[in-house]
PDB file of N, CA and C in Angstrom:
ATOM      1  N   GLY A   1      78.030 105.754  90.676  1.00  0.00           N
ATOM      2  CA  GLY A   1      77.459 104.947  90.353  1.00  0.00           C
ATOM      3  C   GLY A   1      76.687 104.401  88.896  1.00  0.00           C
ATOM      4  N   LEU A   2      75.598 104.229  89.117  1.00  0.00           N
ATOM      5  CA  LEU A   2      74.636 103.926  87.755  1.00  0.00           C
ATOM      6  C   LEU A   2      73.479 104.788  87.738  1.00  0.00           C
ATOM      7  N   ALA A   3      73.025 105.098  86.330  1.00  0.00           N
ATOM      8  CA  ALA A   3      71.359 106.134  86.670  1.00  0.00           C
ATOM      9  C   ALA A   3      71.332 105.505  85.192  1.00  0.00           C
ATOM     10  N   PHE A   4      69.766 105.603  85.010  1.00  0.00           N
ATOM     11  CA  PHE A   4      68.842 105.197  83.788  1.00  0.00           C
ATOM     12  C   PHE A   4      69.111 106.675  83.783  1.00  0.00           C
ATOM     13  N   THR A   5      68.948 107.457  82.729  1.00  0.00           N
ATOM     14  CA  THR A   5      68.723 109.172  82.328  1.00  0.00           C
ATOM     15  C   THR A   5      67.584 109.061  80.883  1.00  0.00           C
ATOM     16  N   ASP A   6      66.226 109.562  80.835  1.00  0.00           N
ATOM     17  CA  ASP A   6      66.078 110.605  80.748  1.00  0.00           C
ATOM     18  C   ASP A   6      65.167 111.816  79.987  1.00  0.00           C
ATOM     19  N   ALA A   7      64.820 112.249  79.548  1.00  0.00           N
ATOM     20  CA  ALA A   7      64.890 113.396  79.359  1.00  0.00           C
ATOM     21  C   ALA A   7      63.972 114.380  80.725  1.00  0.00           C
ATOM     22  N   ALA A   8      62.932 112.948  81.702  1.00  0.00           N
ATOM     23  CA  ALA A   8      62.359 113.825  83.436  1.00  0.00           C
ATOM     24  C   ALA A   8      63.395 113.585  84.231  1.00  0.00           C
ATOM     25  N   LYS A   9      64.040 112.909  84.265  1.00  0.00           N
ATOM     26  CA  LYS A   9      65.005 112.500  85.187  1.00  0.00           C
ATOM     27  C   LYS A   9      65.983 111.645  85.906  1.00  0.00           C
ATOM     28  N   ASP A  10      66.539 111.892  86.336  1.00  0.00           N
ATOM     29  CA  ASP A  10      67.663 110.216  85.952  1.00  0.00           C
ATOM     30  C   ASP A  10      67.671 109.553  87.188  1.00  0.00           C
ATOM     31  N   VAL A  11      67.402 108.128  86.866  1.00  0.00           N
ATOM     32  CA  VAL A  11      66.691 107.880  88.216  1.00  0.00           C
ATOM     33  C   VAL A  11      68.179 106.409  88.313  1.00  0.00           C
ATOM     34  N   PRO A  12      68.711 106.847  89.973  1.00  0.00           N
ATOM     35  CA  PRO A  12      69.573 106.021  89.958  1.00  0.00           C
ATOM     36  C   PRO A  12      68.939 104.096  89.904  1.00  0.00           C
ATOM     37  N   LEU A  13      70.250 103.307  89.835  1.00  0.00           N
ATOM     38  CA  LEU A  13      70.179 101.921  89.435  1.00  0.00           C
ATOM     39  C   LEU A  13      70.916 101.130  90.839  1.00  0.00           C
ATOM     40  N   SER A  14      70.322  99.664  90.980  1.00  0.00           N
ATOM     41  CA  SER A  14      71.506  98.992  91.700  1.00  0.00           C
ATOM     42  C   SER A  14      72.718  98.775  91.082  1.00  0.00           C
ATOM     43  N   PRO A  15      73.243  98.364  92.091  1.00  0.00           N
ATOM     44  CA  PRO A  15      74.885  98.337  91.108  1.00  0.00           C
ATOM     45  C   PRO A  15      74.577  96.431  90.685  1.00  0.00           C
ATOM     46  N   GLN A  16      73.822  95.870  90.798  1.00  0.00           N
ATOM     47  CA  GLN A  16      73.267  94.776  90.753  1.00  0.00           C
ATOM     48  C   GLN A  16      72.219  94.127  89.436  1.00  0.00           C
ATOM     49  N   SER A  17      72.094  95.967  89.045  1.00  0.00           N
ATOM     50  CA  SER A  17      71.538  95.624  87.372  1.00  0.00           C
ATOM     51  C   SER A  17      72.277  94.870  86.554  1.00  0.00           C
ATOM     52  N   THR A  18      71.624  94.651  85.602  1.00  0.00           N
ATOM     53  CA  THR A  18      72.283  94.134  83.953  1.00  0.00           C
ATOM     54  C   THR A  18      71.402  95.116  83.401  1.00  0.00           C
ATOM     55  N   VAL A  19      72.106  95.333  82.047  1.00  0.00           N
ATOM     56  CA  VAL A  19      71.089  96.073  80.794  1.00  0.00           C
ATOM     57  C   VAL A  19      69.965  94.950  80.476  1.00  0.00           C
ATOM     58  N   GLN A  20      69.761  93.867  80.415  1.00  0.00           N
ATOM     59  CA  GLN A  20      68.898  92.952  79.612  1.00  0.00           C
ATOM     60  C   GLN A  20      67.701  93.147  80.975  1.00  0.00           C
ATOM     61  N   GLN A  21      68.316  93.649  82.373  1.00  0.00           N
ATOM     62  CA  GLN A  21      66.997  92.974  83.141  1.00  0.00           C
ATOM     63  C   GLN A  21      66.067  94.484  83.179  1.00  0.00           C
ATOM     64  N   LEU A  22      66.581  95.874  83.152  1.00  0.00           N
ATOM     65  CA  LEU A  22      67.112  97.174  82.638  1.00  0.00           C
ATOM     66  C   LEU A  22      65.744  98.174  81.437  1.00  0.00           C
ATOM     67  N   GLY A  23      65.620  96.678  80.463  1.00  0.00           N
ATOM     68  CA  GLY A  23      65.196  96.483  79.463  1.00  0.00           C
ATOM     69  C   GLY A  23      64.870  98.443  78.037  1.00  0.00           C
ATOM     70  N   LEU A  24      66.794  98.992  78.488  1.00  0.00           N
ATOM     71  CA  LEU A  24      67.012  99.260  77.243  1.00  0.00           C
ATOM     72  C   LEU A  24      67.200  99.366  76.431  1.00  0.00           C
ATOM     73  N   VAL A  25      66.724 100.198  75.507  1.00  0.00           N
ATOM     74  CA  VAL A  25      66.186 100.041  74.331  1.00  0.00           C
ATOM     75  C   VAL A  25      66.935 100.676  73.539  1.00  0.00           C
ATOM     76  N   ASP A  26      67.147 101.164  71.769  1.00  0.00           N
ATOM     77  CA  ASP A  26      67.648 102.125  71.052  1.00  0.00           C
ATOM     78  C   ASP A  26      68.082 103.254  71.721  1.00  0.00           C
ATOM     79  N   GLY A  27      68.396 104.227  71.721  1.00  0.00           N
ATOM     80  CA  GLY A  27      68.385 105.822  72.139  1.00  0.00           C
ATOM     81  C   GLY A  27      68.729 105.815  73.515  1.00  0.00           C
ATOM     82  N   GLN A  28      67.750 104.904  74.109  1.00  0.00           N
ATOM     83  CA  GLN A  28      68.087 104.972  76.105  1.00  0.00           C
ATOM     84  C   GLN A  28      69.880 105.700  76.514  1.00  0.00           C
ATOM     85  N   VAL A  29      70.053 106.350  77.135  1.00  0.00           N
ATOM     86  CA  VAL A  29      71.269 106.334  77.164  1.00  0.00           C
ATOM     87  C   VAL A  29      71.072 106.104  79.352  1.00  0.00           C
ATOM     88  N   LEU A  30      72.182 105.114  78.864  1.00  0.00           N
ATOM     89  CA  LEU A  30      72.562 104.461  81.023  1.00  0.00           C
ATOM     90  C   LEU A  30      74.301 105.403  81.007  1.00  0.00           C
ATOM     91  N   ALA A  31      73.956 106.117  82.122  1.00  0.00           N
ATOM     92  CA  ALA A  31      75.104 107.224  82.820  1.00  0.00           C
ATOM     93  C   ALA A  31      76.194 106.704  83.655  1.00  0.00           C
ATOM     94  N   ALA A  32      77.505 106.893  84.044  1.00  0.00           N
ATOM     95  CA  ALA A  32      77.620 106.120  84.850  1.00  0.00           C
ATOM     96  C   ALA A  32      78.940 107.580  85.555  1.00  0.00           C
ATOM     97  N   LEU A  33      78.528 107.304  86.601  1.00  0.00           N
ATOM     98  CA  LEU A  33      78.948 108.639  87.251  1.00  0.00           C
ATOM     99  C   LEU A  33      80.305 108.057  88.060  1.00  0.00           C
ATOM    100  N   VAL A  34      82.090 108.331  87.979  1.00  0.00           N
ATOM    101  CA  VAL A  34      82.833 108.163  88.823  1.00  0.00           C
ATOM    102  C   VAL A  34      83.222 109.017  89.188  1.00  0.00           C
ATOM    103  N   GLY A  35      83.412 109.559  90.769  1.00  0.00           N
ATOM    104  CA  GLY A  35      84.261 110.277  91.316  1.00  0.00           C
ATOM    105  C   GLY A  35      85.011 109.999  91.640  1.00  0.00           C
ATOM    106  N   ARG A  36      86.221 111.029  92.014  1.00  0.00           N
ATOM    107  CA  ARG A  36      87.705 110.185  92.566  1.00  0.00           C
ATOM    108  C   ARG A  36      87.612 111.511  93.555  1.00  0.00           C
ATOM    109  N   VAL A  37      88.431 110.743  94.225  1.00  0.00           N
ATOM    110  CA  VAL A  37      88.819 112.080  95.759  1.00  0.00           C
ATOM    111  C   VAL A  37      89.983 112.723  95.958  1.00  0.00           C
ATOM    112  N   ARG A  38      89.700 114.470  95.187  1.00  0.00           N
ATOM    113  CA  ARG A  38      91.174 114.879  95.721  1.00  0.00           C
ATOM    114  C   ARG A  38      91.951 115.418  96.601  1.00  0.00           C
ATOM    115  N   VAL A  39      93.091 114.924  97.890  1.00  0.00           N
ATOM    116  CA  VAL A  39      93.218 115.629  98.490  1.00  0.00           C
ATOM    117  C   VAL A  39      94.510 116.527  98.649  1.00  0.00           C
ATOM    118  N   HIS A  40      94.354 117.337  99.552  1.00  0.00           N
ATOM    119  CA  HIS A  40      94.551 118.494  99.686  1.00  0.00           C
ATOM    120  C   HIS A  40      95.171 118.828 100.923  1.00  0.00           C
ATOM    121  N   ALA A  41      96.162 120.088 101.277  1.00  0.00           N
ATOM    122  CA  ALA A  41      97.048 120.102 102.491  1.00  0.00           C
ATOM    123  C   ALA A  41      97.612 120.773 103.211  1.00  0.00           C
ATOM    124  N   THR A  42      96.904 121.641 104.124  1.00  0.00           N
ATOM    125  CA  THR A  42      97.739 122.963 104.578  1.00  0.00           C
ATOM    126  C   THR A  42      99.435 122.593 105.672  1.00  0.00           C
ATOM    127  N   ARG A  43      99.865 122.617 105.985  1.00  0.00           N
ATOM    128  CA  ARG A  43     100.698 122.358 106.737  1.00  0.00           C
ATOM    129  C   ARG A  43     100.375 121.863 107.766  1.00  0.00           C
ATOM    130  N   PHE A  44      98.800 121.447 108.817  1.00  0.00           N
ATOM    131  CA  PHE A  44      98.402 120.996 109.741  1.00  0.00           C
ATOM    132  C   PHE A  44      97.416 119.994 109.611  1.00  0.00           C
ATOM    133  N   ALA A  45      96.640 120.421 107.693  1.00  0.00           N
ATOM    134  CA  ALA A  45      95.061 119.736 107.866  1.00  0.00           C
ATOM    135  C   ALA A  45      95.422 119.460 106.367  1.00  0.00           C
ATOM    136  N   PHE A  46      94.162 118.081 106.689  1.00  0.00           N
ATOM    137  CA  PHE A  46      93.738 117.944 104.612  1.00  0.00           C
ATOM    138  C   PHE A  46      92.486 118.210 104.706  1.00  0.00           C
ATOM    139  N   ALA A  47      92.166 118.050 103.652  1.00  0.00           N
ATOM    140  CA  ALA A  47      90.930 118.669 103.104  1.00  0.00           C
ATOM    141  C   ALA A  47      90.497 117.280 101.504  1.00  0.00           C
ATOM    142  N   ALA A  48      89.949 116.745 101.809  1.00  0.00           N
ATOM    143  CA  ALA A  48      89.129 116.098 100.690  1.00  0.00           C
ATOM    144  C   ALA A  48      87.757 116.348  99.454  1.00  0.00           C
ATOM    145  N   CYS A  49      88.330 116.687  98.899  1.00  0.00           N
ATOM    146  CA  CYS A  49      86.709 117.087  97.574  1.00  0.00           C
ATOM    147  C   CYS A  49      86.732 116.146  96.536  1.00  0.00           C
ATOM    148  N   GLN A  50      85.606 114.760  97.197  1.00  0.00           N
ATOM    149  CA  GLN A  50      85.134 114.172  96.975  1.00  0.00           C
ATOM    150  C   GLN A  50      84.232 114.068  95.526  1.00  0.00           C
ATOM    151  N   GLY A  51      84.162 113.272  95.019  1.00  0.00           N
ATOM    152  CA  GLY A  51      83.484 112.582  93.875  1.00  0.00           C
ATOM    153  C   GLY A  51      82.041 113.265  94.112  1.00  0.00           C
ATOM    154  N   ASP A  52      81.142 113.152  94.825  1.00  0.00           N
ATOM    155  CA  ASP A  52      79.351 113.829  95.025  1.00  0.00           C
ATOM    156  C   ASP A  52      79.716 115.554  95.095  1.00  0.00           C
ATOM    157  N   GLY A  53      80.894 115.989  95.148  1.00  0.00           N
ATOM    158  CA  GLY A  53      80.974 117.981  95.102  1.00  0.00           C
ATOM    159  C   GLY A  53      81.034 118.023  96.380  1.00  0.00           C
ATOM    160  N   SER A  54      80.940 117.168  97.156  1.00  0.00           N
ATOM    161  CA  SER A  54      81.671 118.029  98.992  1.00  0.00           C
ATOM    162  C   SER A  54      82.493 117.796  99.251  1.00  0.00           C
ATOM    163  N   VAL A  55      82.924 118.826 100.443  1.00  0.00           N
ATOM    164  CA  VAL A  55      84.359 118.592 101.127  1.00  0.00           C
ATOM    165  C   VAL A  55      84.638 118.070 102.552  1.00  0.00           C
ATOM    166  N   VAL A  56      85.396 117.101 102.987  1.00  0.00           N
ATOM    167  CA  VAL A  56      85.724 116.603 104.673  1.00  0.00           C
ATOM    168  C   VAL A  56      87.390 117.627 104.925  1.00  0.00           C
ATOM    169  N   ALA A  57      87.238 117.754 105.815  1.00  0.00           N
ATOM    170  CA  ALA A  57      88.461 118.264 106.635  1.00  0.00           C
ATOM    171  C   ALA A  57      88.770 117.890 107.337  1.00  0.00           C
ATOM    172  N   TRP A  58      90.031 117.538 108.046  1.00  0.00           N
ATOM    173  CA  TRP A  58      90.689 117.054 109.139  1.00  0.00           C
ATOM    174  C   TRP A  58      91.690 117.790 109.322  1.00  0.00           C
ATOM    175  N   GLY A  59      92.255 117.360 110.844  1.00  0.00           N
ATOM    176  CA  GLY A  59      93.742 117.856 111.759  1.00  0.00           C
ATOM    177  C   GLY A  59      93.477 119.488 112.282  1.00  0.00           C
ATOM    178  N   SER A  60      94.270 119.923 112.032  1.00  0.00           N
ATOM    179  CA  SER A  60      94.847 120.860 112.699  1.00  0.00           C
ATOM    180  C   SER A  60      93.565 122.000 113.054  1.00  0.00           C
ATOM    181  N   PRO A  61      92.128 122.445 113.972  1.00  0.00           N
ATOM    182  CA  PRO A  61      91.618 123.481 113.640  1.00  0.00           C
ATOM    183  C   PRO A  61      92.045 125.240 113.037  1.00  0.00           C
ATOM    184  N   PHE A  62      93.603 124.966 113.646  1.00  0.00           N
ATOM    185  CA  PHE A  62      93.679 126.617 113.277  1.00  0.00           C
ATOM    186  C   PHE A  62      94.009 125.995 111.861  1.00  0.00           C
ATOM    187  N   ALA A  63      94.578 125.560 111.219  1.00  0.00           N
ATOM    188  CA  ALA A  63      95.269 125.294 109.953  1.00  0.00           C
ATOM    189  C   ALA A  63      94.140 124.551 108.889  1.00  0.00           C
ATOM    190  N   GLY A  64      93.013 124.325 109.450  1.00  0.00           N
ATOM    191  CA  GLY A  64      91.887 124.411 108.183  1.00  0.00           C
ATOM    192  C   GLY A  64      90.852 123.307 108.276  1.00  0.00           C
ATOM    193  N   GLY A  65      91.223 122.816 109.370  1.00  0.00           N
ATOM    194  CA  GLY A  65      90.974 120.688 109.613  1.00  0.00           C
ATOM    195  C   GLY A  65      89.302 121.021 110.494  1.00  0.00           C
ATOM    196  N   ASP A  66      89.243 122.398 110.914  1.00  0.00           N
ATOM    197  CA  ASP A  66      87.558 122.843 111.114  1.00  0.00           C
ATOM    198  C   ASP A  66      87.140 123.212 110.444  1.00  0.00           C
ATOM    199  N   THR A  67      85.923 122.977 109.517  1.00  0.00           N
ATOM    200  CA  THR A  67      85.142 123.101 109.051  1.00  0.00           C
ATOM    201  C   THR A  67      83.571 123.933 108.867  1.00  0.00           C
ATOM    202  N   SER A  68      83.635 124.099 110.193  1.00  0.00           N
ATOM    203  CA  SER A  68      82.184 124.669 110.616  1.00  0.00           C
ATOM    204  C   SER A  68      81.737 125.600 111.062  1.00  0.00           C
ATOM    205  N   GLU A  69      82.247 126.416 110.253  1.00  0.00           N
ATOM    206  CA  GLU A  69      81.685 127.972 109.767  1.00  0.00           C
ATOM    207  C   GLU A  69      81.343 128.347 108.550  1.00  0.00           C
ATOM    208  N   VAL A  70      81.888 127.038 107.918  1.00  0.00           N
ATOM    209  CA  VAL A  70      81.399 126.442 105.817  1.00  0.00           C
ATOM    210  C   VAL A  70      80.924 125.455 106.118  1.00  0.00           C
ATOM    211  N   TYR A  71      81.187 124.899 107.024  1.00  0.00           N
ATOM    212  CA  TYR A  71      80.022 123.585 107.100  1.00  0.00           C
ATOM    213  C   TYR A  71      78.550 122.847 105.440  1.00  0.00           C
ATOM    214  N   ASP A  72      78.061 123.947 106.139  1.00  0.00           N
ATOM    215  CA  ASP A  72      77.139 123.602 105.081  1.00  0.00           C
ATOM    216  C   ASP A  72      77.394 123.987 103.578  1.00  0.00           C
ATOM    217  N   GLN A  73      78.353 125.096 103.215  1.00  0.00           N
ATOM    218  CA  GLN A  73      78.273 124.822 101.645  1.00  0.00           C
ATOM    219  C   GLN A  73      79.474 124.492 100.910  1.00  0.00           C
ATOM    220  N   LEU A  74      80.289 123.577 102.324  1.00  0.00           N
ATOM    221  CA  LEU A  74      81.375 122.349 101.785  1.00  0.00           C
ATOM    222  C   LEU A  74      79.976 121.059 100.871  1.00  0.00           C
ATOM    223  N   LYS A  75      79.062 121.104 101.518  1.00  0.00           N
ATOM    224  CA  LYS A  75      77.860 119.275 101.454  1.00  0.00           C
ATOM    225  C   LYS A  75      78.125 118.939 100.102  1.00  0.00           C
ATOM    226  N   GLU A  76      77.829 120.411  99.128  1.00  0.00           N
ATOM    227  CA  GLU A  76      77.543 119.516  97.128  1.00  0.00           C
ATOM    228  C   GLU A  76      78.230 120.982  96.542  1.00  0.00           C
ATOM    229  N   ASP A  77      78.259 120.781  95.097  1.00  0.00           N
ATOM    230  CA  ASP A  77      78.726 121.796  94.565  1.00  0.00           C
ATOM    231  C   ASP A  77      80.333 122.286  94.925  1.00  0.00           C
ATOM    232  N   VAL A  78      80.810 121.431  95.402  1.00  0.00           N
ATOM    233  CA  VAL A  78      82.287 122.328  95.660  1.00  0.00           C
ATOM    234  C   VAL A  78      82.974 121.286  94.035  1.00  0.00           C
ATOM    235  N   GLN A  79      83.809 122.401  92.913  1.00  0.00           N
ATOM    236  CA  GLN A  79      84.176 122.200  92.352  1.00  0.00           C
ATOM    237  C   GLN A  79      85.696 121.861  92.243  1.00  0.00           C
ATOM    238  N   GLU A  80      86.408 122.486  92.857  1.00  0.00           N
ATOM    239  CA  GLU A  80      88.096 122.370  93.087  1.00  0.00           C
ATOM    240  C   GLU A  80      88.093 123.308  94.160  1.00  0.00           C
ATOM    241  N   VAL A  81      89.257 122.786  95.196  1.00  0.00           N
ATOM    242  CA  VAL A  81      89.658 122.763  96.371  1.00  0.00           C
ATOM    243  C   VAL A  81      91.734 123.196  96.330  1.00  0.00           C
ATOM    244  N   ALA A  82      91.822 124.298  97.019  1.00  0.00           N
ATOM    245  CA  ALA A  82      93.370 124.839  96.670  1.00  0.00           C
ATOM    246  C   ALA A  82      93.709 124.791  98.061  1.00  0.00           C
ATOM    247  N   SER A  83      95.418 124.669  98.304  1.00  0.00           N
ATOM    248  CA  SER A  83      95.463 125.043 100.284  1.00  0.00           C
ATOM    249  C   SER A  83      96.929 126.600  99.826  1.00  0.00           C
ATOM    250  N   ASN A  84      97.293 126.668 100.844  1.00  0.00           N
ATOM    251  CA  ASN A  84      98.533 126.877 101.088  1.00  0.00           C
ATOM    252  C   ASN A  84      98.632 127.019 102.724  1.00  0.00           C
ATOM    253  N   LEU A  85      99.803 127.504 103.432  1.00  0.00           N
ATOM    254  CA  LEU A  85     100.300 126.905 104.381  1.00  0.00           C
ATOM    255  C   LEU A  85      99.236 126.845 105.812  1.00  0.00           C
ATOM    256  N   LEU A  86      98.217 128.340 105.843  1.00  0.00           N
ATOM    257  CA  LEU A  86      97.247 127.278 106.545  1.00  0.00           C
ATOM    258  C   LEU A  86      95.742 127.196 106.341  1.00  0.00           C
ATOM    259  N   ALA A  87      95.325 128.167 105.253  1.00  0.00           N
ATOM    260  CA  ALA A  87      94.367 127.497 104.839  1.00  0.00           C
ATOM    261  C   ALA A  87      94.061 127.034 103.656  1.00  0.00           C
ATOM    262  N   PHE A  88      92.943 126.667 103.467  1.00  0.00           N
ATOM    263  CA  PHE A  88      91.876 126.029 102.310  1.00  0.00           C
ATOM    264  C   PHE A  88      90.976 127.484 101.197  1.00  0.00           C
ATOM    265  N   ALA A  89      90.225 127.424 100.379  1.00  0.00           N
ATOM    266  CA  ALA A  89      89.577 128.179  99.448  1.00  0.00           C
ATOM    267  C   ALA A  89      88.981 126.555  98.652  1.00  0.00           C
ATOM    268  N   ALA A  90      87.950 127.300  98.966  1.00  0.00           N
ATOM    269  CA  ALA A  90      87.355 125.564  97.490  1.00  0.00           C
ATOM    270  C   ALA A  90      85.921 127.101  96.959  1.00  0.00           C
ATOM    271  N   VAL A  91      85.996 125.957  95.550  1.00  0.00           N
ATOM    272  CA  VAL A  91      85.804 127.073  93.878  1.00  0.00           C
ATOM    273  C   VAL A  91      84.197 126.290  94.422  1.00  0.00           C
ATOM    274  N   LYS A  92      82.639 127.161  93.990  1.00  0.00           N
ATOM    275  CA  LYS A  92      81.537 126.254  93.731  1.00  0.00           C
ATOM    276  C   LYS A  92      81.312 126.063  92.874  1.00  0.00           C
ATOM    277  N   ALA A  93      80.274 125.489  91.721  1.00  0.00           N
ATOM    278  CA  ALA A  93      80.169 125.250  91.213  1.00  0.00           C
ATOM    279  C   ALA A  93      79.385 126.396  90.575  1.00  0.00           C
ATOM    280  N   ASP A  94      79.276 127.887  91.210  1.00  0.00           N
ATOM    281  CA  ASP A  94      78.101 129.190  90.882  1.00  0.00           C
ATOM    282  C   ASP A  94      78.925 130.155  90.736  1.00  0.00           C
ATOM    283  N   GLY A  95      80.722 129.815  91.237  1.00  0.00           N
ATOM    284  CA  GLY A  95      81.686 130.829  90.934  1.00  0.00           C
ATOM    285  C   GLY A  95      81.490 130.566  92.335  1.00  0.00           C
ATOM    286  N   GLY A  96      81.231 131.380  93.205  1.00  0.00           N
ATOM    287  CA  GLY A  96      81.655 131.736  94.826  1.00  0.00           C
ATOM    288  C   GLY A  96      82.869 130.465  94.769  1.00  0.00           C
ATOM    289  N   VAL A  97      83.317 132.096  95.747  1.00  0.00           N
ATOM    290  CA  VAL A  97      84.371 131.379  96.939  1.00  0.00           C
ATOM    291  C   VAL A  97      83.925 130.725  97.904  1.00  0.00           C
ATOM    292  N   LEU A  98      84.953 130.278  98.939  1.00  0.00           N
ATOM    293  CA  LEU A  98      84.639 129.473 100.235  1.00  0.00           C
ATOM    294  C   LEU A  98      85.906 129.651 101.372  1.00  0.00           C
ATOM    295  N   THR A  99      86.521 130.229 102.131  1.00  0.00           N
ATOM    296  CA  THR A  99      88.000 129.877 102.197  1.00  0.00           C
ATOM    297  C   THR A  99      87.177 129.503 104.341  1.00  0.00           C
ATOM    298  N   TRP A 100      88.620 128.846 104.296  1.00  0.00           N
ATOM    299  CA  TRP A 100      88.379 128.548 105.475  1.00  0.00           C
ATOM    300  C   TRP A 100      89.790 128.029 106.318  1.00  0.00           C
ATOM    301  N   GLY A 101      90.037 127.990 108.439  1.00  0.00           N
ATOM    302  CA  GLY A 101      91.496 128.161 107.713  1.00  0.00           C
ATOM    303  C   GLY A 101      91.620 129.108 108.944  1.00  0.00           C
ATOM    304  N   HIS A 102      93.405 129.851 108.424  1.00  0.00           N
ATOM    305  CA  HIS A 102      94.086 130.553 109.555  1.00  0.00           C
ATOM    306  C   HIS A 102      93.479 132.045 109.035  1.00  0.00           C
ATOM    307  N   GLY A 103      93.262 133.045 109.692  1.00  0.00           N
ATOM    308  CA  GLY A 103      92.376 134.113 108.561  1.00  0.00           C
ATOM    309  C   GLY A 103      93.224 135.075 108.135  1.00  0.00           C
ATOM    310  N   SER A 104      95.101 134.325 108.947  1.00  0.00           N
ATOM    311  CA  SER A 104      95.917 135.520 108.246  1.00  0.00           C
ATOM    312  C   SER A 104      96.273 135.584 107.154  1.00  0.00           C
ATOM    313  N   CYS A 105      96.298 133.790 106.662  1.00  0.00           N
ATOM    314  CA  CYS A 105      96.600 132.992 105.304  1.00  0.00           C
ATOM    315  C   CYS A 105      95.664 133.144 104.218  1.00  0.00           C
ATOM    316  N   GLY A 106      94.742 133.935 104.661  1.00  0.00           N
ATOM    317  CA  GLY A 106      93.393 133.560 103.689  1.00  0.00           C
ATOM    318  C   GLY A 106      92.475 133.135 104.115  1.00  0.00           C
ATOM    319  N   GLY A 107      92.130 132.928 104.715  1.00  0.00           N
ATOM    320  CA  GLY A 107      90.713 132.025 105.750  1.00  0.00           C
ATOM    321  C   GLY A 107      89.568 132.341 105.961  1.00  0.00           C
ATOM    322  N   GLN A 108      89.799 134.320 105.717  1.00  0.00           N
ATOM    323  CA  GLN A 108      88.383 134.755 105.758  1.00  0.00           C
ATOM    324  C   GLN A 108      88.922 135.854 105.114  1.00  0.00           C
ATOM    325  N   ILE A 109      87.770 135.772 104.200  1.00  0.00           N
ATOM    326  CA  ILE A 109      87.199 136.682 103.547  1.00  0.00           C
ATOM    327  C   ILE A 109      86.321 136.985 103.505  1.00  0.00           C
ATOM    328  N   SER A 110      85.681 138.368 102.959  1.00  0.00           N
ATOM    329  CA  SER A 110      84.283 139.195 103.681  1.00  0.00           C
ATOM    330  C   SER A 110      84.034 138.117 102.135  1.00  0.00           C
ATOM    331  N   GLU A 111      82.472 138.955 102.712  1.00  0.00           N
ATOM    332  CA  GLU A 111      81.476 138.219 101.503  1.00  0.00           C
ATOM    333  C   GLU A 111      81.141 139.171 100.796  1.00  0.00           C
ATOM    334  N   GLU A 112      81.586 139.868  99.985  1.00  0.00           N
ATOM    335  CA  GLU A 112      81.464 140.757  98.368  1.00  0.00           C
ATOM    336  C   GLU A 112      83.413 139.992  97.579  1.00  0.00           C
ATOM    337  N   THR A 113      84.042 139.528  98.442  1.00  0.00           N
ATOM    338  CA  THR A 113      84.895 138.802  97.822  1.00  0.00           C
ATOM    339  C   THR A 113      84.447 137.350  97.474  1.00  0.00           C
ATOM    340  N   GLN A 114      83.886 137.211  97.980  1.00  0.00           N
ATOM    341  CA  GLN A 114      83.397 135.572  98.460  1.00  0.00           C
ATOM    342  C   GLN A 114      82.325 135.396  96.790  1.00  0.00           C
ATOM    343  N   GLU A 115      81.489 136.524  95.786  1.00  0.00           N
ATOM    344  CA  GLU A 115      80.624 136.997  94.987  1.00  0.00           C
ATOM    345  C   GLU A 115      81.578 136.770  94.155  1.00  0.00           C
TER     346      GLU A 115
END
């Protein structure tokens, strides 16, 4: 989407807004957020890292299709997702790591390791 940016805040704009309607003047910034979806897979599940920093997963629960244990943490600030045979790992903006999927394939890590 588009956002009008000033020092105080970003203001989302309607897709129908024109530069003229906004009254932009020299020195003001108009920013566009363009996100892309990156899909990763285990053997039996998929996880999509969306342009807004959230992750959704589907497929076999034992292979990472069930995110219920990390659901709240996957709503925002995910930078990257990686996968192996039966588990996923997500790197958050703060450097933390989340995992889900089959425990023997890395789907469960200790809280110490996550930080």
